[in-house]
Amino acid sequence: MTRGESSPVGLHRVVEPSGDQITLPQTAQRLDASPQIWADEVRIDVDVLNLDAASY
């Protein structure tokens, strides 16, 4: 995969749908989860992820 321009809302991580049908990462069917980070991304270390009814 070649790297194009990054997007401040993460559109560069959306794999499916693509083209004119591209969506925000939250509703995408498939995302690029490659470990290489883009210039406008940060890597964080998460110990616990707390999900409750209000989370989704």
PDB file of N, CA and C in Angstrom:
ATOM      1  N   MET A   1       0.841  -1.179   0.000  1.00  0.00           N
ATOM      2  CA  MET A   1       0.000   0.000   0.000  1.00  0.00           C
ATOM      3  C   MET A   1       0.884   1.241   0.000  1.00  0.00           C
ATOM      4  N   THR A   2       0.625   2.143  -0.898  1.00  0.00           N
ATOM      5  CA  THR A   2       1.395   3.378  -0.933  1.00  0.00           C
ATOM      6  C   THR A   2       0.764   4.396   0.002  1.00  0.00           C
ATOM      7  N   ARG A   3       1.603   5.232   0.554  1.00  0.00           N
ATOM      8  CA  ARG A   3       1.099   6.245   1.472  1.00  0.00           C
ATOM      9  C   ARG A   3       0.761   7.501   0.701  1.00  0.00           C
ATOM     10  N   GLY A   4      -0.469   7.939   0.855  1.00  0.00           N
ATOM     11  CA  GLY A   4      -0.901   9.191   0.252  1.00  0.00           C
ATOM     12  C   GLY A   4      -0.874  10.283   1.311  1.00  0.00           C
ATOM     13  N   GLU A   5      -1.817  11.167   1.213  1.00  0.00           N
ATOM     14  CA  GLU A   5      -1.939  12.246   2.174  1.00  0.00           C
ATOM     15  C   GLU A   5      -2.723  11.754   3.380  1.00  0.00           C
ATOM     16  N   SER A   6      -2.325  12.157   4.582  1.00  0.00           N
ATOM     17  CA  SER A   6      -3.076  11.754   5.765  1.00  0.00           C
ATOM     18  C   SER A   6      -4.276  12.674   5.947  1.00  0.00           C
ATOM     19  N   SER A   7      -5.198  12.237   6.772  1.00  0.00           N
ATOM     20  CA  SER A   7      -6.420  12.991   7.035  1.00  0.00           C
ATOM     21  C   SER A   7      -6.509  13.271   8.530  1.00  0.00           C
ATOM     22  N   PRO A   8      -6.889  14.478   8.934  1.00  0.00           N
ATOM     23  CA  PRO A   8      -6.995  14.781  10.361  1.00  0.00           C
ATOM     24  C   PRO A   8      -8.087  13.980  11.070  1.00  0.00           C
ATOM     25  N   VAL A   9      -9.027  13.396  10.329  1.00  0.00           N
ATOM     26  CA  VAL A   9     -10.080  12.588  10.942  1.00  0.00           C
ATOM     27  C   VAL A   9      -9.866  11.095  10.715  1.00  0.00           C
ATOM     28  N   GLY A  10      -8.720  10.699  10.172  1.00  0.00           N
ATOM     29  CA  GLY A  10      -8.377   9.293  10.034  1.00  0.00           C
ATOM     30  C   GLY A  10      -8.859   8.604   8.776  1.00  0.00           C
ATOM     31  N   LEU A  11      -9.292   9.346   7.766  1.00  0.00           N
ATOM     32  CA  LEU A  11      -9.756   8.716   6.527  1.00  0.00           C
ATOM     33  C   LEU A  11      -8.663   7.906   5.852  1.00  0.00           C
ATOM     34  N   HIS A  12      -7.406   8.229   6.094  1.00  0.00           N
ATOM     35  CA  HIS A  12      -6.293   7.489   5.490  1.00  0.00           C
ATOM     36  C   HIS A  12      -6.186   6.068   6.040  1.00  0.00           C
ATOM     37  N   ARG A  13      -6.860   5.759   7.147  1.00  0.00           N
ATOM     38  CA  ARG A  13      -6.864   4.403   7.715  1.00  0.00           C
ATOM     39  C   ARG A  13      -8.028   3.549   7.210  1.00  0.00           C
ATOM     40  N   VAL A  14      -8.990   4.139   6.511  1.00  0.00           N
ATOM     41  CA  VAL A  14     -10.151   3.395   6.015  1.00  0.00           C
ATOM     42  C   VAL A  14      -9.758   2.611   4.767  1.00  0.00           C
ATOM     43  N   VAL A  15      -9.946   1.285   4.800  1.00  0.00           N
ATOM     44  CA  VAL A  15      -9.656   0.413   3.658  1.00  0.00           C
ATOM     45  C   VAL A  15     -10.943   0.106   2.898  1.00  0.00           C
ATOM     46  N   GLU A  16     -12.000  -0.232   3.622  1.00  0.00           N
ATOM     47  CA  GLU A  16     -13.316  -0.504   3.020  1.00  0.00           C
ATOM     48  C   GLU A  16     -14.366   0.253   3.791  1.00  0.00           C
ATOM     49  N   PRO A  17     -15.292   0.894   3.154  1.00  0.00           N
ATOM     50  CA  PRO A  17     -15.400   1.126   1.724  1.00  0.00           C
ATOM     51  C   PRO A  17     -14.367   2.139   1.250  1.00  0.00           C
ATOM     52  N   SER A  18     -14.135   2.172  -0.043  1.00  0.00           N
ATOM     53  CA  SER A  18     -13.126   3.079  -0.597  1.00  0.00           C
ATOM     54  C   SER A  18     -13.732   3.925  -1.710  1.00  0.00           C
ATOM     55  N   GLY A  19     -12.923   4.807  -2.263  1.00  0.00           N
ATOM     56  CA  GLY A  19     -13.377   5.650  -3.369  1.00  0.00           C
ATOM     57  C   GLY A  19     -14.438   6.641  -2.939  1.00  0.00           C
ATOM     58  N   ASP A  20     -15.518   6.716  -3.707  1.00  0.00           N
ATOM     59  CA  ASP A  20     -16.600   7.654  -3.410  1.00  0.00           C
ATOM     60  C   ASP A  20     -17.413   7.236  -2.189  1.00  0.00           C
ATOM     61  N   GLN A  21     -17.293   5.984  -1.775  1.00  0.00           N
ATOM     62  CA  GLN A  21     -18.076   5.461  -0.663  1.00  0.00           C
ATOM     63  C   GLN A  21     -17.353   5.546   0.676  1.00  0.00           C
ATOM     64  N   ILE A  22     -16.184   6.187   0.733  1.00  0.00           N
ATOM     65  CA  ILE A  22     -15.382   6.222   1.952  1.00  0.00           C
ATOM     66  C   ILE A  22     -16.168   6.833   3.114  1.00  0.00           C
ATOM     67  N   THR A  23     -15.980   6.283   4.304  1.00  0.00           N
ATOM     68  CA  THR A  23     -16.684   6.741   5.500  1.00  0.00           C
ATOM     69  C   THR A  23     -15.675   7.117   6.572  1.00  0.00           C
ATOM     70  N   LEU A  24     -16.173   7.652   7.661  1.00  0.00           N
ATOM     71  CA  LEU A  24     -15.318   7.910   8.816  1.00  0.00           C
ATOM     72  C   LEU A  24     -14.871   6.573   9.400  1.00  0.00           C
ATOM     73  N   PRO A  25     -13.741   6.537  10.091  1.00  0.00           N
ATOM     74  CA  PRO A  25     -13.239   5.274  10.636  1.00  0.00           C
ATOM     75  C   PRO A  25     -14.233   4.554  11.555  1.00  0.00           C
ATOM     76  N   GLN A  26     -15.074   5.287  12.275  1.00  0.00           N
ATOM     77  CA  GLN A  26     -16.014   4.668  13.203  1.00  0.00           C
ATOM     78  C   GLN A  26     -17.015   3.763  12.498  1.00  0.00           C
ATOM     79  N   THR A  27     -17.362   4.050  11.260  1.00  0.00           N
ATOM     80  CA  THR A  27     -18.356   3.246  10.543  1.00  0.00           C
ATOM     81  C   THR A  27     -17.753   2.413   9.416  1.00  0.00           C
ATOM     82  N   ALA A  28     -16.445   2.402   9.298  1.00  0.00           N
ATOM     83  CA  ALA A  28     -15.784   1.646   8.227  1.00  0.00           C
ATOM     84  C   ALA A  28     -15.947   0.146   8.435  1.00  0.00           C
ATOM     85  N   GLN A  29     -15.944  -0.600   7.347  1.00  0.00           N
ATOM     86  CA  GLN A  29     -16.011  -2.056   7.416  1.00  0.00           C
ATOM     87  C   GLN A  29     -14.641  -2.658   7.688  1.00  0.00           C
ATOM     88  N   ARG A  30     -13.584  -2.003   7.199  1.00  0.00           N
ATOM     89  CA  ARG A  30     -12.226  -2.507   7.403  1.00  0.00           C
ATOM     90  C   ARG A  30     -11.268  -1.330   7.512  1.00  0.00           C
ATOM     91  N   LEU A  31     -10.355  -1.408   8.476  1.00  0.00           N
ATOM     92  CA  LEU A  31      -9.370  -0.355   8.704  1.00  0.00           C
ATOM     93  C   LEU A  31      -7.961  -0.872   8.479  1.00  0.00           C
ATOM     94  N   ASP A  32      -7.055   0.032   8.152  1.00  0.00           N
ATOM     95  CA  ASP A  32      -5.633  -0.278   8.053  1.00  0.00           C
ATOM     96  C   ASP A  32      -5.065  -0.239   9.469  1.00  0.00           C
ATOM     97  N   ALA A  33      -4.723  -1.389  10.009  1.00  0.00           N
ATOM     98  CA  ALA A  33      -4.206  -1.474  11.377  1.00  0.00           C
ATOM     99  C   ALA A  33      -2.696  -1.667  11.397  1.00  0.00           C
ATOM    100  N   SER A  34      -2.023  -1.231  10.346  1.00  0.00           N
ATOM    101  CA  SER A  34      -0.567  -1.393  10.298  1.00  0.00           C
ATOM    102  C   SER A  34       0.084  -0.632  11.453  1.00  0.00           C
ATOM    103  N   PRO A  35       1.161  -1.176  12.010  1.00  0.00           N
ATOM    104  CA  PRO A  35       1.783  -0.556  13.185  1.00  0.00           C
ATOM    105  C   PRO A  35       2.546   0.731  12.890  1.00  0.00           C
ATOM    106  N   GLN A  36       2.818   1.022  11.623  1.00  0.00           N
ATOM    107  CA  GLN A  36       3.521   2.262  11.298  1.00  0.00           C
ATOM    108  C   GLN A  36       2.573   3.436  11.519  1.00  0.00           C
ATOM    109  N   ILE A  37       3.047   4.439  12.278  1.00  0.00           N
ATOM    110  CA  ILE A  37       2.193   5.592  12.533  1.00  0.00           C
ATOM    111  C   ILE A  37       2.493   6.704  11.537  1.00  0.00           C
ATOM    112  N   TRP A  38       1.501   7.497  11.260  1.00  0.00           N
ATOM    113  CA  TRP A  38       1.622   8.637  10.355  1.00  0.00           C
ATOM    114  C   TRP A  38       2.123   9.835  11.156  1.00  0.00           C
ATOM    115  N   ALA A  39       2.517  10.877  10.460  1.00  0.00           N
ATOM    116  CA  ALA A  39       3.082  12.066  11.110  1.00  0.00           C
ATOM    117  C   ALA A  39       2.091  12.742  12.056  1.00  0.00           C
ATOM    118  N   ASP A  40       0.791  12.608  11.792  1.00  0.00           N
ATOM    119  CA  ASP A  40      -0.209  13.254  12.643  1.00  0.00           C
ATOM    120  C   ASP A  40      -0.884  12.277  13.610  1.00  0.00           C
ATOM    121  N   GLU A  41      -0.274  11.114  13.852  1.00  0.00           N
ATOM    122  CA  GLU A  41      -0.796  10.118  14.793  1.00  0.00           C
ATOM    123  C   GLU A  41       0.166   9.966  15.971  1.00  0.00           C
ATOM    124  N   VAL A  42      -0.346   9.457  17.080  1.00  0.00           N
ATOM    125  CA  VAL A  42       0.491   9.163  18.248  1.00  0.00           C
ATOM    126  C   VAL A  42       0.241   7.724  18.674  1.00  0.00           C
ATOM    127  N   ARG A  43       1.229   7.106  19.266  1.00  0.00           N
ATOM    128  CA  ARG A  43       1.092   5.749  19.798  1.00  0.00           C
ATOM    129  C   ARG A  43       0.960   5.857  21.310  1.00  0.00           C
ATOM    130  N   ILE A  44      -0.040   5.179  21.868  1.00  0.00           N
ATOM    131  CA  ILE A  44      -0.229   5.183  23.316  1.00  0.00           C
ATOM    132  C   ILE A  44      -0.223   3.751  23.823  1.00  0.00           C
ATOM    133  N   ASP A  45       0.116   3.572  25.075  1.00  0.00           N
ATOM    134  CA  ASP A  45       0.126   2.263  25.723  1.00  0.00           C
ATOM    135  C   ASP A  45      -1.101   2.187  26.622  1.00  0.00           C
ATOM    136  N   VAL A  46      -1.982   1.222  26.362  1.00  0.00           N
ATOM    137  CA  VAL A  46      -3.227   1.084  27.116  1.00  0.00           C
ATOM    138  C   VAL A  46      -3.139  -0.161  27.981  1.00  0.00           C
ATOM    139  N   ASP A  47      -3.379   0.003  29.283  1.00  0.00           N
ATOM    140  CA  ASP A  47      -3.404  -1.137  30.196  1.00  0.00           C
ATOM    141  C   ASP A  47      -4.814  -1.701  30.342  1.00  0.00           C
ATOM    142  N   VAL A  48      -5.813  -0.828  30.462  1.00  0.00           N
ATOM    143  CA  VAL A  48      -7.194  -1.257  30.677  1.00  0.00           C
ATOM    144  C   VAL A  48      -8.111  -0.430  29.784  1.00  0.00           C
ATOM    145  N   LEU A  49      -9.061  -1.097  29.157  1.00  0.00           N
ATOM    146  CA  LEU A  49     -10.073  -0.416  28.367  1.00  0.00           C
ATOM    147  C   LEU A  49     -11.416  -0.734  29.003  1.00  0.00           C
ATOM    148  N   ASN A  50     -12.082   0.276  29.541  1.00  0.00           N
ATOM    149  CA  ASN A  50     -13.337   0.086  30.263  1.00  0.00           C
ATOM    150  C   ASN A  50     -14.512   0.415  29.351  1.00  0.00           C
ATOM    151  N   LEU A  51     -15.263  -0.601  28.938  1.00  0.00           N
ATOM    152  CA  LEU A  51     -16.442  -0.404  28.102  1.00  0.00           C
ATOM    153  C   LEU A  51     -17.690  -0.610  28.943  1.00  0.00           C
ATOM    154  N   ASP A  52     -18.613   0.322  28.841  1.00  0.00           N
ATOM    155  CA  ASP A  52     -19.899   0.169  29.512  1.00  0.00           C
ATOM    156  C   ASP A  52     -21.004   0.548  28.535  1.00  0.00           C
ATOM    157  N   ALA A  53     -22.242   0.540  28.987  1.00  0.00           N
ATOM    158  CA  ALA A  53     -23.372   0.803  28.096  1.00  0.00           C
ATOM    159  C   ALA A  53     -23.295   2.185  27.460  1.00  0.00           C
ATOM    160  N   ALA A  54     -22.704   3.145  28.132  1.00  0.00           N
ATOM    161  CA  ALA A  54     -22.608   4.505  27.590  1.00  0.00           C
ATOM    162  C   ALA A  54     -21.476   4.633  26.574  1.00  0.00           C
ATOM    163  N   SER A  55     -20.626   3.618  26.446  1.00  0.00           N
ATOM    164  CA  SER A  55     -19.478   3.700  25.546  1.00  0.00           C
ATOM    165  C   SER A  55     -19.851   3.489  24.087  1.00  0.00           C
ATOM    166  N   TYR A  56     -20.966   2.829  23.825  1.00  0.00           N
ATOM    167  CA  TYR A  56     -21.349   2.569  22.438  1.00  0.00           C
ATOM    168  C   TYR A  56     -22.802   2.495  22.254  1.00  0.00           C
TER     169      TYR A  56
END
